[in-house]
C-alpha atoms as a PDB file:
ATOM      1  CA  MET A   1      23.852 110.608 107.190  1.00  0.00           C
ATOM      2  CA  LEU A   2      20.477 112.695 107.966  1.00  0.00           C
ATOM      3  CA  ASP A   3      19.432 112.194 104.308  1.00  0.00           C
ATOM      4  CA  ARG A   4      19.629 108.273 104.977  1.00  0.00           C
ATOM      5  CA  LEU A   5      17.685 108.698 108.160  1.00  0.00           C
ATOM      6  CA  ILE A   6      14.956 110.550 106.373  1.00  0.00           C
ATOM      7  CA  ILE A   7      14.906 108.019 103.647  1.00  0.00           C
ATOM      8  CA  ASN A   8      14.469 105.189 106.288  1.00  0.00           C
ATOM      9  CA  LEU A   9      11.853 106.948 108.233  1.00  0.00           C
ATOM     10  CA  ASN A  10       9.816 107.621 104.792  1.00  0.00           C
ATOM     11  CA  ASN A  11      10.102 104.005 103.853  1.00  0.00           C
ATOM     12  CA  ARG A  12       8.674 102.855 107.337  1.00  0.00           C
ATOM     13  CA  LEU A  13       5.856 105.503 107.282  1.00  0.00           C
ATOM     14  CA  VAL A  14       4.965 104.294 103.647  1.00  0.00           C
ATOM     15  CA  GLY A  15       4.855 100.662 104.970  1.00  0.00           C
ATOM     16  CA  TRP A  16       2.747 101.748 107.954  1.00  0.00           C
ATOM     17  CA  ARG A  17       0.356 103.437 105.561  1.00  0.00           C
ATOM     18  CA  ARG A  18      -0.454  99.937 104.373  1.00  0.00           C
ATOM     19  CA  ILE A  19      -0.698 100.850 100.759  1.00  0.00           C
ATOM     20  CA  ARG A  20      -1.331  97.228  99.249  1.00  0.00           C
ATOM     21  CA  GLY A  21      -2.830  95.620  96.365  1.00  0.00           C
ATOM     22  CA  LEU A  22      -1.723  98.165  93.635  1.00  0.00           C
ATOM     23  CA  ARG A  23      -1.911  97.159  90.151  1.00  0.00           C
ATOM     24  CA  PRO A  24       1.534  97.189  88.438  1.00  0.00           C
ATOM     25  CA  SER A  25       0.404  99.822  86.217  1.00  0.00           C
ATOM     26  CA  GLU A  26      -0.223 102.214  88.975  1.00  0.00           C
ATOM     27  CA  ILE A  27       3.446 101.831  90.278  1.00  0.00           C
ATOM     28  CA  LEU A  28       6.173 104.043  88.723  1.00  0.00           C
ATOM     29  CA  LEU A  29       9.737 102.661  88.835  1.00  0.00           C
ATOM     30  CA  LEU A  30      11.824 105.930  88.514  1.00  0.00           C
ATOM     31  CA  LEU A  31      15.596 105.542  87.709  1.00  0.00           C
ATOM     32  CA  PRO A  32      18.324 107.886  87.367  1.00  0.00           C
ATOM     33  CA  HIS A  33      20.303 108.120  84.055  1.00  0.00           C
ATOM     34  CA  CYS A  34      23.389 107.584  86.189  1.00  0.00           C
ATOM     35  CA  LEU A  35      22.855 103.744  86.503  1.00  0.00           C
ATOM     36  CA  HIS A  36      23.793 103.576  82.715  1.00  0.00           C
ATOM     37  CA  ARG A  37      27.544 102.845  82.280  1.00  0.00           C
ATOM     38  CA  GLN A  38      29.442 105.615  80.717  1.00  0.00           C
ATOM     39  CA  SER A  39      31.455 103.269  78.598  1.00  0.00           C
ATOM     40  CA  CYS A  40      28.400 101.593  77.107  1.00  0.00           C
ATOM     41  CA  PRO A  41      27.832 102.273  73.442  1.00  0.00           C
ATOM     42  CA  ARG A  42      24.084 102.372  73.967  1.00  0.00           C
ATOM     43  CA  ASN A  43      22.656 105.372  75.219  1.00  0.00           C
ATOM     44  CA  VAL A  44      20.097 104.616  78.151  1.00  0.00           C
ATOM     45  CA  VAL A  45      18.885 107.965  78.897  1.00  0.00           C
ATOM     46  CA  HIS A  46      14.929 107.912  78.258  1.00  0.00           C
ATOM     47  CA  SER A  47      13.821 104.381  78.226  1.00  0.00           C
ATOM     48  CA  LEU A  48      14.995 100.812  79.600  1.00  0.00           C
ATOM     49  CA  ASP A  49      14.246  99.674  75.984  1.00  0.00           C
ATOM     50  CA  GLU A  50      17.477 101.291  75.003  1.00  0.00           C
ATOM     51  CA  CYS A  51      19.585  98.692  76.873  1.00  0.00           C
ATOM     52  CA  ARG A  52      21.029  95.411  75.486  1.00  0.00           C
ATOM     53  CA  ARG A  53      21.062  94.038  78.804  1.00  0.00           C
ATOM     54  CA  CYS A  54      24.709  92.833  78.595  1.00  0.00           C
ATOM     55  CA  GLY A  55      25.014  92.984  82.495  1.00  0.00           C
ATOM     56  CA  ASP A  56      27.642  95.464  82.699  1.00  0.00           C
ATOM     57  CA  CYS A  57      25.307  97.798  84.829  1.00  0.00           C
ATOM     58  CA  SER A  58      22.040  97.786  86.861  1.00  0.00           C
ATOM     59  CA  VAL A  59      19.888  98.732  84.028  1.00  0.00           C
ATOM     60  CA  GLY A  60      19.331  95.313  82.416  1.00  0.00           C
ATOM     61  CA  ALA A  61      18.468  93.836  85.784  1.00  0.00           C
ATOM     62  CA  LEU A  62      16.069  96.633  86.230  1.00  0.00           C
ATOM     63  CA  ALA A  63      14.404  96.276  82.876  1.00  0.00           C
ATOM     64  CA  GLY A  64      13.871  92.628  83.552  1.00  0.00           C
ATOM     65  CA  ILE A  65      12.050  93.469  86.913  1.00  0.00           C
ATOM     66  CA  ARG A  66       9.905  96.123  84.717  1.00  0.00           C
ATOM     67  CA  ASP A  67       9.085  93.240  82.472  1.00  0.00           C
ATOM     68  CA  GLU A  68       8.627  90.563  85.190  1.00  0.00           C
ATOM     69  CA  PHE A  69       6.182  92.952  87.058  1.00  0.00           C
ATOM     70  CA  GLY A  70       4.804  94.995  84.462  1.00  0.00           C
ATOM     71  CA  VAL A  71       5.329  98.226  86.317  1.00  0.00           C
ATOM     72  CA  VAL A  72       5.683 101.699  84.508  1.00  0.00           C
ATOM     73  CA  ALA A  73       9.395 102.585  84.399  1.00  0.00           C
ATOM     74  CA  CYS A  74      11.234 105.580  83.159  1.00  0.00           C
ATOM     75  CA  VAL A  75      14.700 106.840  83.092  1.00  0.00           C
ATOM     76  CA  VAL A  76      15.072 110.524  84.075  1.00  0.00           C
ATOM     77  CA  GLY A  77      17.986 113.053  83.997  1.00  0.00           C
ATOM     78  CA  GLY A  78      16.810 114.812  87.013  1.00  0.00           C
ATOM     79  CA  GLY A  79      14.273 116.173  89.614  1.00  0.00           C
ATOM     80  CA  ARG A  80      12.007 118.246  87.092  1.00  0.00           C
ATOM     81  CA  GLU A  81      11.861 115.424  84.691  1.00  0.00           C
ATOM     82  CA  ALA A  82      10.952 112.860  87.558  1.00  0.00           C
ATOM     83  CA  LEU A  83       8.277 114.917  88.846  1.00  0.00           C
ATOM     84  CA  VAL A  84       6.391 115.148  85.552  1.00  0.00           C
ATOM     85  CA  GLN A  85       6.392 111.363  85.657  1.00  0.00           C
ATOM     86  CA  VAL A  86       5.157 111.296  89.280  1.00  0.00           C
ATOM     87  CA  ARG A  87       2.390 113.811  88.824  1.00  0.00           C
ATOM     88  CA  ASN A  88       0.835 111.480  86.210  1.00  0.00           C
ATOM     89  CA  PRO A  89      -2.686 110.980  87.782  1.00  0.00           C
ATOM     90  CA  ALA A  90      -2.523 107.100  86.846  1.00  0.00           C
ATOM     91  CA  ILE A  91       0.542 106.567  89.089  1.00  0.00           C
ATOM     92  CA  LYS A  92      -0.476 105.790  92.748  1.00  0.00           C
ATOM     93  CA  ALA A  93       2.916 104.919  94.204  1.00  0.00           C
ATOM     94  CA  VAL A  94       6.661 105.565  93.207  1.00  0.00           C
ATOM     95  CA  VAL A  95       9.572 103.161  93.727  1.00  0.00           C
ATOM     96  CA  ALA A  96      12.527 105.590  93.284  1.00  0.00           C
ATOM     97  CA  VAL A  97      16.247 104.683  92.723  1.00  0.00           C
ATOM     98  CA  ALA A  98      18.408 107.574  93.253  1.00  0.00           C
ATOM     99  CA  CYS A  99      21.217 109.131  95.588  1.00  0.00           C
ATOM    100  CA  ASP A 100      20.239 110.192  98.985  1.00  0.00           C
ATOM    101  CA  LYS A 101      20.036 114.050  98.076  1.00  0.00           C
ATOM    102  CA  GLU A 102      17.788 113.378  95.246  1.00  0.00           C
ATOM    103  CA  LEU A 103      15.654 110.943  96.981  1.00  0.00           C
ATOM    104  CA  VAL A 104      14.873 113.206  99.926  1.00  0.00           C
ATOM    105  CA  GLN A 105      13.858 115.922  97.664  1.00  0.00           C
ATOM    106  CA  GLY A 106      11.691 113.520  95.448  1.00  0.00           C
ATOM    107  CA  ILE A 107      10.041 112.374  98.577  1.00  0.00           C
ATOM    108  CA  ARG A 108       8.974 115.855  99.518  1.00  0.00           C
ATOM    109  CA  ALA A 109       8.164 116.786  95.863  1.00  0.00           C
ATOM    110  CA  ALA A 110       5.904 114.017  95.339  1.00  0.00           C
ATOM    111  CA  PHE A 111       3.739 114.179  98.649  1.00  0.00           C
ATOM    112  CA  PRO A 112       1.076 113.077  99.195  1.00  0.00           C
ATOM    113  CA  LYS A 113       1.931 110.069  96.762  1.00  0.00           C
ATOM    114  CA  PRO A 114       3.746 107.472  98.499  1.00  0.00           C
ATOM    115  CA  VAL A 115       7.426 106.992  97.565  1.00  0.00           C
ATOM    116  CA  LEU A 116       9.456 103.903  98.463  1.00  0.00           C
ATOM    117  CA  ALA A 117      13.170 105.052  98.292  1.00  0.00           C
ATOM    118  CA  VAL A 118      15.901 102.744  97.069  1.00  0.00           C
ATOM    119  CA  PRO A 119      19.264 104.452  97.626  1.00  0.00           C
ATOM    120  CA  ASN A 120      21.805 103.774  94.851  1.00  0.00           C
ATOM    121  CA  GLN A 121      25.494 103.001  95.412  1.00  0.00           C
ATOM    122  CA  THR A 122      28.139 105.199  94.126  1.00  0.00           C
ATOM    123  CA  PRO A 123      31.468 103.288  93.784  1.00  0.00           C
ATOM    124  CA  GLU A 124      32.729 105.947  91.308  1.00  0.00           C
ATOM    125  CA  GLY A 125      31.359 108.981  93.038  1.00  0.00           C
ATOM    126  CA  PRO A 126      28.022 110.740  92.436  1.00  0.00           C
ATOM    127  CA  CYS A 127      26.378 110.724  89.168  1.00  0.00           C
ATOM    128  CA  LYS A 128      28.717 108.151  87.373  1.00  0.00           C
ATOM    129  CA  ASN A 129      28.310 104.620  86.911  1.00  0.00           C
ATOM    130  CA  THR A 130      26.111 104.110  89.846  1.00  0.00           C
ATOM    131  CA  LEU A 131      24.534 100.818  90.826  1.00  0.00           C
ATOM    132  CA  ALA A 132      21.055  99.639  92.329  1.00  0.00           C
ATOM    133  CA  ASP A 133      20.247  96.585  94.429  1.00  0.00           C
ATOM    134  CA  PRO A 134      17.607  94.839  92.069  1.00  0.00           C
ATOM    135  CA  ALA A 135      16.576  92.879  95.299  1.00  0.00           C
ATOM    136  CA  GLU A 136      15.712  96.035  96.950  1.00  0.00           C
ATOM    137  CA  VAL A 137      13.631  97.102  93.873  1.00  0.00           C
ATOM    138  CA  VAL A 138      11.750  93.977  93.778  1.00  0.00           C
ATOM    139  CA  LYS A 139      11.149  94.182  97.632  1.00  0.00           C
ATOM    140  CA  ALA A 140       9.636  97.601  97.160  1.00  0.00           C
ATOM    141  CA  ILE A 141       7.413  96.579  94.411  1.00  0.00           C
ATOM    142  CA  GLY A 142       6.240  93.692  96.376  1.00  0.00           C
ATOM    143  CA  LEU A 143       5.389  95.586  99.376  1.00  0.00           C
ATOM    144  CA  LEU A 144       2.821  97.880  97.237  1.00  0.00           C
ATOM    145  CA  THR A 145       1.654  94.988  95.157  1.00  0.00           C
ATOM    146  CA  ARG A 146       0.811  92.579  97.955  1.00  0.00           C
ATOM    147  CA  THR A 147      -2.619  92.351  99.211  1.00  0.00           C
END
């Protein structure tokens, strides 16, 4: 509950900072590998391009968002791997999808870069077949690209 409060406060603060007009190539869409369905024969653990977009999980929809908006997107397996991507100097802001605990840690680690956090849903428990709301991801990207 405290983690969700921190995430909501962070997202409001990023909104108040009025970070607008970023080019899509300056926005990183950071996704956890747990969005990938474990029963899928494809192994989407590094790139969204590994997804066949069958619709059984959120990955296909998120790949479509990446293609539509032209943001940089990567699938990571943990915090250190995510931090390597976030520290890229070409990246000016991050839209991150993860569980509450990982988002809070990532927000702190990425500072001062702005991170819009989109908590994932965990219907089968943590780190297994999680789901992301594509509408929330689009909303976050729109906030950063709008002039």
